Amino acid sequence: MELMSAPENTPVTEGELLSHLRLTDGEQDGTLARCVSTAIAMLDGDDGELGRALISQTWREYIRPPSNGSGVQLSLRPAQSIESVAFRDAEGAWVEADLTGFSLHVVEDAPVVFADVWPVGHGFQSLRIDYVAGYGDDGASVPDTIKQAILLLAAHYYLERAPVVSKESSAELPISIDRLLQRYKVWVR
Protein backbone atom coordinates (compact mmCIF):
# COMPACT_ATOMS: atom_id res chain seq x y z
CA MET A 1 0.00 0.00 0.00
CA GLU A 2 1.06 3.56 -0.67
CA LEU A 3 -0.19 6.75 0.92
CA MET A 4 -0.96 9.02 -2.03
CA SER A 5 -2.43 12.00 -0.19
CA ALA A 6 -1.93 12.57 3.53
CA PRO A 7 -4.69 14.02 5.72
CA GLU A 8 -4.84 17.81 5.81
CA ASN A 9 -6.03 17.88 9.44
CA THR A 10 -5.56 15.84 12.59
CA PRO A 11 -8.17 14.13 14.78
CA VAL A 12 -6.74 15.85 17.87
CA THR A 13 -4.91 19.16 17.98
CA GLU A 14 -2.00 20.31 20.09
CA GLY A 15 -4.39 22.80 21.72
CA GLU A 16 -6.72 20.00 22.80
CA LEU A 17 -3.79 18.16 24.39
CA LEU A 18 -2.71 21.39 26.08
CA SER A 19 -6.19 21.71 27.59
CA HIS A 20 -6.32 17.99 28.50
CA LEU A 21 -3.04 18.32 30.41
CA ARG A 22 -4.14 21.63 31.99
CA LEU A 23 -1.01 23.42 30.80
CA THR A 24 -0.75 27.07 29.87
CA ASP A 25 -0.24 28.13 26.27
CA GLY A 26 3.40 28.11 25.15
CA GLU A 27 4.50 25.47 27.67
CA GLN A 28 6.37 22.60 25.99
CA ASP A 29 4.94 23.35 22.52
CA GLY A 30 7.42 21.25 20.55
CA THR A 31 7.07 18.30 22.88
CA LEU A 32 3.27 18.43 22.80
CA ALA A 33 3.22 18.48 19.00
CA ARG A 34 5.49 15.40 18.88
CA CYS A 35 3.33 13.59 21.45
CA VAL A 36 0.15 14.26 19.45
CA SER A 37 1.69 13.24 16.11
CA THR A 38 3.22 10.09 17.64
CA ALA A 39 -0.08 9.07 19.26
CA ILE A 40 -1.92 9.57 15.96
CA ALA A 41 0.75 7.63 14.03
CA MET A 42 0.39 4.71 16.45
CA LEU A 43 -3.28 4.36 15.48
CA ASP A 44 -3.81 5.82 12.00
CA GLY A 45 -3.40 4.38 8.53
CA ASP A 46 -1.88 1.21 7.14
CA ASP A 47 0.79 0.95 9.84
CA GLY A 48 -1.54 2.05 12.65
CA GLU A 49 -2.79 -0.29 15.31
CA LEU A 50 -6.45 0.22 14.39
CA GLY A 51 -6.29 -0.70 10.70
CA ARG A 52 -8.31 2.43 10.02
CA ALA A 53 -7.77 5.81 8.45
CA LEU A 54 -8.90 8.51 10.87
CA ILE A 55 -8.99 11.64 8.70
CA SER A 56 -9.67 11.56 4.91
CA GLN A 57 -6.56 10.35 3.06
CA THR A 58 -5.96 8.71 -0.31
CA TRP A 59 -4.36 5.27 -0.49
CA ARG A 60 -3.17 3.11 -3.37
CA GLU A 61 -3.59 -0.62 -2.94
CA TYR A 62 -2.25 -3.35 -5.25
CA ILE A 63 -4.48 -6.40 -5.41
CA ARG A 64 -4.79 -9.70 -7.22
CA PRO A 65 -7.81 -9.43 -9.54
CA PRO A 66 -10.79 -11.51 -8.38
CA SER A 67 -13.01 -13.65 -10.55
CA ASN A 68 -16.08 -11.94 -11.97
CA GLY A 69 -18.91 -11.69 -9.47
CA SER A 70 -16.48 -11.45 -6.57
CA GLY A 71 -15.55 -8.33 -4.69
CA VAL A 72 -12.20 -7.03 -3.54
CA GLN A 73 -11.85 -6.13 0.13
CA LEU A 74 -9.83 -2.99 0.77
CA SER A 75 -7.44 -2.90 3.70
CA LEU A 76 -8.36 0.39 5.39
CA ARG A 77 -11.66 1.35 6.93
CA PRO A 78 -13.83 3.34 6.59
CA ALA A 79 -13.55 3.80 2.82
CA GLN A 80 -15.33 6.83 1.39
CA SER A 81 -14.85 6.60 -2.37
CA ILE A 82 -12.96 4.97 -5.22
CA GLU A 83 -10.68 7.47 -6.99
CA SER A 84 -9.25 5.22 -9.73
CA VAL A 85 -8.90 1.63 -10.84
CA ALA A 86 -6.08 0.49 -13.10
CA PHE A 87 -4.79 -2.83 -14.37
CA ARG A 88 -1.44 -3.97 -15.72
CA ASP A 89 -1.52 -4.84 -19.43
CA ALA A 90 0.57 -7.50 -21.20
CA GLU A 91 3.46 -5.02 -21.65
CA GLY A 92 3.46 -4.18 -17.93
CA ALA A 93 1.98 -0.68 -18.30
CA TRP A 94 -0.85 0.51 -16.02
CA VAL A 95 -4.11 1.21 -17.85
CA GLU A 96 -6.82 3.29 -16.16
CA ALA A 97 -10.27 1.70 -16.17
CA ASP A 98 -13.56 3.55 -16.56
CA LEU A 99 -15.06 3.86 -13.05
CA THR A 100 -18.62 3.50 -14.34
CA GLY A 101 -18.80 -0.25 -13.67
CA PHE A 102 -17.22 -0.14 -10.20
CA SER A 103 -18.98 0.33 -6.87
CA LEU A 104 -17.93 0.54 -3.23
CA HIS A 105 -19.98 -1.28 -0.59
CA VAL A 106 -19.61 -1.97 3.11
CA VAL A 107 -19.93 -5.66 3.94
CA GLU A 108 -19.82 -6.41 7.69
CA ASP A 109 -17.83 -3.18 8.32
CA ALA A 110 -15.32 -4.01 5.55
CA PRO A 111 -15.08 -1.87 2.40
CA VAL A 112 -15.51 -4.05 -0.68
CA VAL A 113 -15.19 -2.99 -4.32
CA PHE A 114 -17.40 -4.75 -6.87
CA ALA A 115 -17.18 -4.51 -10.66
CA ASP A 116 -19.62 -5.33 -13.43
CA VAL A 117 -16.64 -6.97 -15.15
CA TRP A 118 -13.14 -7.02 -13.68
CA PRO A 119 -10.38 -5.98 -16.09
CA VAL A 120 -7.94 -8.74 -16.99
CA GLY A 121 -4.56 -7.87 -15.53
CA HIS A 122 -1.23 -9.51 -16.22
CA GLY A 123 0.96 -10.60 -13.32
CA PHE A 124 0.54 -10.89 -9.58
CA GLN A 125 -1.25 -7.94 -7.96
CA SER A 126 -2.10 -6.56 -11.38
CA LEU A 127 -5.04 -4.52 -10.12
CA ARG A 128 -4.46 -1.10 -8.56
CA ILE A 129 -7.17 0.78 -6.66
CA ASP A 130 -6.81 4.33 -5.36
CA TYR A 131 -9.39 5.20 -2.72
CA VAL A 132 -10.18 7.74 -0.03
CA ALA A 133 -10.44 6.34 3.48
CA GLY A 134 -11.21 8.06 6.78
CA TYR A 135 -14.10 9.21 8.91
CA GLY A 136 -14.14 12.69 7.34
CA ASP A 137 -12.09 15.79 6.64
CA ASP A 138 -11.57 16.96 10.23
CA GLY A 139 -11.43 15.82 13.84
CA ALA A 140 -15.15 16.42 14.36
CA SER A 141 -15.91 13.34 12.23
CA VAL A 142 -13.65 10.96 14.21
CA PRO A 143 -15.45 9.01 16.96
CA ASP A 144 -15.00 10.64 20.38
CA THR A 145 -13.74 7.36 21.84
CA ILE A 146 -10.80 7.32 19.41
CA LYS A 147 -10.05 10.99 20.08
CA GLN A 148 -10.08 10.34 23.83
CA ALA A 149 -7.67 7.45 23.35
CA ILE A 150 -5.35 9.71 21.31
CA LEU A 151 -5.43 12.34 24.07
CA LEU A 152 -4.69 9.73 26.75
CA LEU A 153 -1.86 8.22 24.72
CA ALA A 154 -0.33 11.62 23.90
CA ALA A 155 -0.63 12.64 27.57
CA HIS A 156 1.02 9.37 28.56
CA TYR A 157 3.92 10.11 26.19
CA TYR A 158 4.22 13.63 27.59
CA LEU A 159 4.04 12.69 31.29
CA GLU A 160 5.94 9.39 31.34
CA ARG A 161 8.55 9.86 28.59
CA ALA A 162 9.64 6.25 29.16
CA PRO A 163 8.05 2.83 28.58
CA VAL A 164 5.67 1.51 31.23
CA VAL A 165 7.45 -1.42 32.92
CA SER A 166 6.70 -3.27 36.13
CA LYS A 167 8.40 -6.29 37.70
CA GLU A 168 5.76 -8.65 36.31
CA SER A 169 5.26 -7.30 32.80
CA SER A 170 5.62 -4.43 30.41
CA ALA A 171 2.83 -2.81 28.40
CA GLU A 172 3.02 -0.65 25.32
CA LEU A 173 -0.39 0.92 25.87
CA PRO A 174 -1.97 1.73 29.19
CA ILE A 175 -4.94 -0.62 29.61
CA SER A 176 -7.53 2.20 29.61
CA ILE A 177 -6.42 3.25 26.12
CA ASP A 178 -6.48 -0.33 24.85
CA ARG A 179 -10.03 -0.78 26.16
CA LEU A 180 -11.22 2.42 24.48
CA LEU A 181 -9.86 1.23 21.14
CA GLN A 182 -10.93 -2.41 21.35
CA ARG A 183 -14.14 -2.09 19.32
CA TYR A 184 -12.43 -0.07 16.57
CA LYS A 185 -9.56 -2.47 15.88
CA VAL A 186 -9.62 -4.37 12.62
CA TRP A 187 -8.28 -7.78 13.59
CA VAL A 188 -8.02 -9.35 10.14
CA ARG A 189 -7.02 -7.41 7.04
C-alpha atoms as a PDB file:
ATOM      1  CA  MET A   1       0.000   0.000   0.000  1.00  0.00           C
ATOM      2  CA  GLU A   2       1.062   3.557  -0.667  1.00  0.00           C
ATOM      3  CA  LEU A   3      -0.187   6.749   0.918  1.00  0.00           C
ATOM      4  CA  MET A   4      -0.965   9.018  -2.032  1.00  0.00           C
ATOM      5  CA  SER A   5      -2.433  11.997  -0.191  1.00  0.00           C
ATOM      6  CA  ALA A   6      -1.928  12.566   3.530  1.00  0.00           C
ATOM      7  CA  PRO A   7      -4.689  14.023   5.721  1.00  0.00           C
ATOM      8  CA  GLU A   8      -4.844  17.813   5.808  1.00  0.00           C
ATOM      9  CA  ASN A   9      -6.032  17.883   9.436  1.00  0.00           C
ATOM     10  CA  THR A  10      -5.563  15.839  12.590  1.00  0.00           C
ATOM     11  CA  PRO A  11      -8.167  14.127  14.777  1.00  0.00           C
ATOM     12  CA  VAL A  12      -6.740  15.846  17.874  1.00  0.00           C
ATOM     13  CA  THR A  13      -4.913  19.162  17.983  1.00  0.00           C
ATOM     14  CA  GLU A  14      -2.000  20.314  20.093  1.00  0.00           C
ATOM     15  CA  GLY A  15      -4.392  22.805  21.722  1.00  0.00           C
ATOM     16  CA  GLU A  16      -6.720  19.996  22.797  1.00  0.00           C
ATOM     17  CA  LEU A  17      -3.787  18.160  24.386  1.00  0.00           C
ATOM     18  CA  LEU A  18      -2.707  21.394  26.081  1.00  0.00           C
ATOM     19  CA  SER A  19      -6.188  21.709  27.591  1.00  0.00           C
ATOM     20  CA  HIS A  20      -6.323  17.995  28.499  1.00  0.00           C
ATOM     21  CA  LEU A  21      -3.042  18.317  30.410  1.00  0.00           C
ATOM     22  CA  ARG A  22      -4.135  21.633  31.990  1.00  0.00           C
ATOM     23  CA  LEU A  23      -1.013  23.419  30.798  1.00  0.00           C
ATOM     24  CA  THR A  24      -0.748  27.070  29.866  1.00  0.00           C
ATOM     25  CA  ASP A  25      -0.239  28.132  26.271  1.00  0.00           C
ATOM     26  CA  GLY A  26       3.396  28.109  25.155  1.00  0.00           C
ATOM     27  CA  GLU A  27       4.499  25.475  27.675  1.00  0.00           C
ATOM     28  CA  GLN A  28       6.366  22.600  25.993  1.00  0.00           C
ATOM     29  CA  ASP A  29       4.938  23.351  22.524  1.00  0.00           C
ATOM     30  CA  GLY A  30       7.419  21.251  20.548  1.00  0.00           C
ATOM     31  CA  THR A  31       7.069  18.299  22.881  1.00  0.00           C
ATOM     32  CA  LEU A  32       3.268  18.432  22.800  1.00  0.00           C
ATOM     33  CA  ALA A  33       3.220  18.482  19.003  1.00  0.00           C
ATOM     34  CA  ARG A  34       5.486  15.405  18.880  1.00  0.00           C
ATOM     35  CA  CYS A  35       3.334  13.585  21.451  1.00  0.00           C
ATOM     36  CA  VAL A  36       0.153  14.263  19.450  1.00  0.00           C
ATOM     37  CA  SER A  37       1.695  13.237  16.112  1.00  0.00           C
ATOM     38  CA  THR A  38       3.220  10.091  17.642  1.00  0.00           C
ATOM     39  CA  ALA A  39      -0.085   9.069  19.258  1.00  0.00           C
ATOM     40  CA  ILE A  40      -1.921   9.566  15.958  1.00  0.00           C
ATOM     41  CA  ALA A  41       0.752   7.627  14.032  1.00  0.00           C
ATOM     42  CA  MET A  42       0.388   4.710  16.448  1.00  0.00           C
ATOM     43  CA  LEU A  43      -3.282   4.356  15.484  1.00  0.00           C
ATOM     44  CA  ASP A  44      -3.813   5.818  11.999  1.00  0.00           C
ATOM     45  CA  GLY A  45      -3.399   4.382   8.527  1.00  0.00           C
ATOM     46  CA  ASP A  46      -1.885   1.206   7.141  1.00  0.00           C
ATOM     47  CA  ASP A  47       0.789   0.954   9.844  1.00  0.00           C
ATOM     48  CA  GLY A  48      -1.537   2.050  12.646  1.00  0.00           C
ATOM     49  CA  GLU A  49      -2.788  -0.294  15.306  1.00  0.00           C
ATOM     50  CA  LEU A  50      -6.448   0.222  14.389  1.00  0.00           C
ATOM     51  CA  GLY A  51      -6.286  -0.704  10.699  1.00  0.00           C
ATOM     52  CA  ARG A  52      -8.309   2.431  10.016  1.00  0.00           C
ATOM     53  CA  ALA A  53      -7.773   5.808   8.446  1.00  0.00           C
ATOM     54  CA  LEU A  54      -8.895   8.510  10.872  1.00  0.00           C
ATOM     55  CA  ILE A  55      -8.992  11.638   8.695  1.00  0.00           C
ATOM     56  CA  SER A  56      -9.666  11.562   4.911  1.00  0.00           C
ATOM     57  CA  GLN A  57      -6.564  10.353   3.059  1.00  0.00           C
ATOM     58  CA  THR A  58      -5.959   8.710  -0.307  1.00  0.00           C
ATOM     59  CA  TRP A  59      -4.358   5.273  -0.486  1.00  0.00           C
ATOM     60  CA  ARG A  60      -3.173   3.110  -3.368  1.00  0.00           C
ATOM     61  CA  GLU A  61      -3.588  -0.618  -2.945  1.00  0.00           C
ATOM     62  CA  TYR A  62      -2.249  -3.351  -5.247  1.00  0.00           C
ATOM     63  CA  ILE A  63      -4.483  -6.397  -5.415  1.00  0.00           C
ATOM     64  CA  ARG A  64      -4.786  -9.695  -7.218  1.00  0.00           C
ATOM     65  CA  PRO A  65      -7.814  -9.431  -9.540  1.00  0.00           C
ATOM     66  CA  PRO A  66     -10.786 -11.510  -8.376  1.00  0.00           C
ATOM     67  CA  SER A  67     -13.010 -13.649 -10.555  1.00  0.00           C
ATOM     68  CA  ASN A  68     -16.083 -11.937 -11.971  1.00  0.00           C
ATOM     69  CA  GLY A  69     -18.910 -11.694  -9.468  1.00  0.00           C
ATOM     70  CA  SER A  70     -16.484 -11.450  -6.571  1.00  0.00           C
ATOM     71  CA  GLY A  71     -15.555  -8.332  -4.692  1.00  0.00           C
ATOM     72  CA  VAL A  72     -12.199  -7.028  -3.544  1.00  0.00           C
ATOM     73  CA  GLN A  73     -11.851  -6.129   0.128  1.00  0.00           C
ATOM     74  CA  LEU A  74      -9.835  -2.985   0.771  1.00  0.00           C
ATOM     75  CA  SER A  75      -7.437  -2.898   3.705  1.00  0.00           C
ATOM     76  CA  LEU A  76      -8.358   0.390   5.391  1.00  0.00           C
ATOM     77  CA  ARG A  77     -11.660   1.346   6.925  1.00  0.00           C
ATOM     78  CA  PRO A  78     -13.829   3.338   6.594  1.00  0.00           C
ATOM     79  CA  ALA A  79     -13.554   3.797   2.819  1.00  0.00           C
ATOM     80  CA  GLN A  80     -15.331   6.828   1.391  1.00  0.00           C
ATOM     81  CA  SER A  81     -14.852   6.601  -2.370  1.00  0.00           C
ATOM     82  CA  ILE A  82     -12.957   4.974  -5.222  1.00  0.00           C
ATOM     83  CA  GLU A  83     -10.682   7.466  -6.986  1.00  0.00           C
ATOM     84  CA  SER A  84      -9.253   5.223  -9.726  1.00  0.00           C
ATOM     85  CA  VAL A  85      -8.902   1.632 -10.836  1.00  0.00           C
ATOM     86  CA  ALA A  86      -6.079   0.491 -13.103  1.00  0.00           C
ATOM     87  CA  PHE A  87      -4.794  -2.832 -14.370  1.00  0.00           C
ATOM     88  CA  ARG A  88      -1.442  -3.969 -15.722  1.00  0.00           C
ATOM     89  CA  ASP A  89      -1.518  -4.844 -19.430  1.00  0.00           C
ATOM     90  CA  ALA A  90       0.572  -7.503 -21.195  1.00  0.00           C
ATOM     91  CA  GLU A  91       3.465  -5.025 -21.646  1.00  0.00           C
ATOM     92  CA  GLY A  92       3.463  -4.180 -17.929  1.00  0.00           C
ATOM     93  CA  ALA A  93       1.976  -0.676 -18.297  1.00  0.00           C
ATOM     94  CA  TRP A  94      -0.847   0.515 -16.016  1.00  0.00           C
ATOM     95  CA  VAL A  95      -4.114   1.207 -17.855  1.00  0.00           C
ATOM     96  CA  GLU A  96      -6.825   3.287 -16.160  1.00  0.00           C
ATOM     97  CA  ALA A  97     -10.271   1.697 -16.175  1.00  0.00           C
ATOM     98  CA  ASP A  98     -13.555   3.554 -16.563  1.00  0.00           C
ATOM     99  CA  LEU A  99     -15.057   3.860 -13.051  1.00  0.00           C
ATOM    100  CA  THR A 100     -18.620   3.499 -14.340  1.00  0.00           C
ATOM    101  CA  GLY A 101     -18.801  -0.245 -13.672  1.00  0.00           C
ATOM    102  CA  PHE A 102     -17.222  -0.141 -10.195  1.00  0.00           C
ATOM    103  CA  SER A 103     -18.984   0.331  -6.875  1.00  0.00           C
ATOM    104  CA  LEU A 104     -17.932   0.540  -3.230  1.00  0.00           C
ATOM    105  CA  HIS A 105     -19.983  -1.277  -0.588  1.00  0.00           C
ATOM    106  CA  VAL A 106     -19.615  -1.974   3.112  1.00  0.00           C
ATOM    107  CA  VAL A 107     -19.928  -5.665   3.938  1.00  0.00           C
ATOM    108  CA  GLU A 108     -19.816  -6.412   7.686  1.00  0.00           C
ATOM    109  CA  ASP A 109     -17.829  -3.183   8.319  1.00  0.00           C
ATOM    110  CA  ALA A 110     -15.322  -4.006   5.552  1.00  0.00           C
ATOM    111  CA  PRO A 111     -15.075  -1.869   2.398  1.00  0.00           C
ATOM    112  CA  VAL A 112     -15.514  -4.054  -0.682  1.00  0.00           C
ATOM    113  CA  VAL A 113     -15.192  -2.992  -4.323  1.00  0.00           C
ATOM    114  CA  PHE A 114     -17.397  -4.751  -6.874  1.00  0.00           C
ATOM    115  CA  ALA A 115     -17.180  -4.513 -10.658  1.00  0.00           C
ATOM    116  CA  ASP A 116     -19.622  -5.333 -13.425  1.00  0.00           C
ATOM    117  CA  VAL A 117     -16.640  -6.968 -15.153  1.00  0.00           C
ATOM    118  CA  TRP A 118     -13.137  -7.016 -13.680  1.00  0.00           C
ATOM    119  CA  PRO A 119     -10.382  -5.983 -16.095  1.00  0.00           C
ATOM    120  CA  VAL A 120      -7.938  -8.739 -16.986  1.00  0.00           C
ATOM    121  CA  GLY A 121      -4.564  -7.874 -15.533  1.00  0.00           C
ATOM    122  CA  HIS A 122      -1.234  -9.513 -16.221  1.00  0.00           C
ATOM    123  CA  GLY A 123       0.956 -10.596 -13.321  1.00  0.00           C
ATOM    124  CA  PHE A 124       0.540 -10.888  -9.580  1.00  0.00           C
ATOM    125  CA  GLN A 125      -1.251  -7.941  -7.956  1.00  0.00           C
ATOM    126  CA  SER A 126      -2.096  -6.564 -11.377  1.00  0.00           C
ATOM    127  CA  LEU A 127      -5.042  -4.523 -10.120  1.00  0.00           C
ATOM    128  CA  ARG A 128      -4.459  -1.097  -8.562  1.00  0.00           C
ATOM    129  CA  ILE A 129      -7.165   0.782  -6.658  1.00  0.00           C
ATOM    130  CA  ASP A 130      -6.813   4.329  -5.356  1.00  0.00           C
ATOM    131  CA  TYR A 131      -9.387   5.198  -2.719  1.00  0.00           C
ATOM    132  CA  VAL A 132     -10.176   7.742  -0.035  1.00  0.00           C
ATOM    133  CA  ALA A 133     -10.437   6.341   3.485  1.00  0.00           C
ATOM    134  CA  GLY A 134     -11.207   8.062   6.779  1.00  0.00           C
ATOM    135  CA  TYR A 135     -14.099   9.213   8.913  1.00  0.00           C
ATOM    136  CA  GLY A 136     -14.142  12.690   7.340  1.00  0.00           C
ATOM    137  CA  ASP A 137     -12.089  15.793   6.644  1.00  0.00           C
ATOM    138  CA  ASP A 138     -11.573  16.963  10.234  1.00  0.00           C
ATOM    139  CA  GLY A 139     -11.434  15.818  13.836  1.00  0.00           C
ATOM    140  CA  ALA A 140     -15.153  16.418  14.363  1.00  0.00           C
ATOM    141  CA  SER A 141     -15.910  13.337  12.232  1.00  0.00           C
ATOM    142  CA  VAL A 142     -13.648  10.961  14.205  1.00  0.00           C
ATOM    143  CA  PRO A 143     -15.449   9.011  16.964  1.00  0.00           C
ATOM    144  CA  ASP A 144     -15.001  10.639  20.378  1.00  0.00           C
ATOM    145  CA  THR A 145     -13.742   7.359  21.842  1.00  0.00           C
ATOM    146  CA  ILE A 146     -10.799   7.315  19.415  1.00  0.00           C
ATOM    147  CA  LYS A 147     -10.049  10.994  20.077  1.00  0.00           C
ATOM    148  CA  GLN A 148     -10.081  10.344  23.831  1.00  0.00           C
ATOM    149  CA  ALA A 149      -7.667   7.445  23.347  1.00  0.00           C
ATOM    150  CA  ILE A 150      -5.348   9.705  21.309  1.00  0.00           C
ATOM    151  CA  LEU A 151      -5.430  12.336  24.067  1.00  0.00           C
ATOM    152  CA  LEU A 152      -4.689   9.728  26.749  1.00  0.00           C
ATOM    153  CA  LEU A 153      -1.864   8.217  24.718  1.00  0.00           C
ATOM    154  CA  ALA A 154      -0.332  11.623  23.897  1.00  0.00           C
ATOM    155  CA  ALA A 155      -0.631  12.639  27.568  1.00  0.00           C
ATOM    156  CA  HIS A 156       1.021   9.368  28.556  1.00  0.00           C
ATOM    157  CA  TYR A 157       3.925  10.111  26.189  1.00  0.00           C
ATOM    158  CA  TYR A 158       4.224  13.628  27.592  1.00  0.00           C
ATOM    159  CA  LEU A 159       4.040  12.687  31.286  1.00  0.00           C
ATOM    160  CA  GLU A 160       5.938   9.392  31.341  1.00  0.00           C
ATOM    161  CA  ARG A 161       8.553   9.864  28.592  1.00  0.00           C
ATOM    162  CA  ALA A 162       9.638   6.254  29.160  1.00  0.00           C
ATOM    163  CA  PRO A 163       8.050   2.826  28.583  1.00  0.00           C
ATOM    164  CA  VAL A 164       5.666   1.507  31.231  1.00  0.00           C
ATOM    165  CA  VAL A 165       7.446  -1.416  32.917  1.00  0.00           C
ATOM    166  CA  SER A 166       6.704  -3.274  36.127  1.00  0.00           C
ATOM    167  CA  LYS A 167       8.400  -6.292  37.700  1.00  0.00           C
ATOM    168  CA  GLU A 168       5.763  -8.653  36.306  1.00  0.00           C
ATOM    169  CA  SER A 169       5.261  -7.300  32.804  1.00  0.00           C
ATOM    170  CA  SER A 170       5.615  -4.427  30.407  1.00  0.00           C
ATOM    171  CA  ALA A 171       2.834  -2.814  28.399  1.00  0.00           C
ATOM    172  CA  GLU A 172       3.017  -0.654  25.315  1.00  0.00           C
ATOM    173  CA  LEU A 173      -0.388   0.925  25.866  1.00  0.00           C
ATOM    174  CA  PRO A 174      -1.974   1.730  29.186  1.00  0.00           C
ATOM    175  CA  ILE A 175      -4.942  -0.616  29.607  1.00  0.00           C
ATOM    176  CA  SER A 176      -7.527   2.198  29.613  1.00  0.00           C
ATOM    177  CA  ILE A 177      -6.417   3.251  26.115  1.00  0.00           C
ATOM    178  CA  ASP A 178      -6.482  -0.327  24.848  1.00  0.00           C
ATOM    179  CA  ARG A 179     -10.026  -0.782  26.158  1.00  0.00           C
ATOM    180  CA  LEU A 180     -11.222   2.420  24.483  1.00  0.00           C
ATOM    181  CA  LEU A 181      -9.860   1.229  21.141  1.00  0.00           C
ATOM    182  CA  GLN A 182     -10.933  -2.411  21.352  1.00  0.00           C
ATOM    183  CA  ARG A 183     -14.142  -2.094  19.320  1.00  0.00           C
ATOM    184  CA  TYR A 184     -12.434  -0.069  16.572  1.00  0.00           C
ATOM    185  CA  LYS A 185      -9.555  -2.469  15.882  1.00  0.00           C
ATOM    186  CA  VAL A 186      -9.619  -4.375  12.624  1.00  0.00           C
ATOM    187  CA  TRP A 187      -8.277  -7.780  13.589  1.00  0.00           C
ATOM    188  CA  VAL A 188      -8.024  -9.349  10.138  1.00  0.00           C
ATOM    189  CA  ARG A 189      -7.019  -7.412   7.036  1.00  0.00           C
END
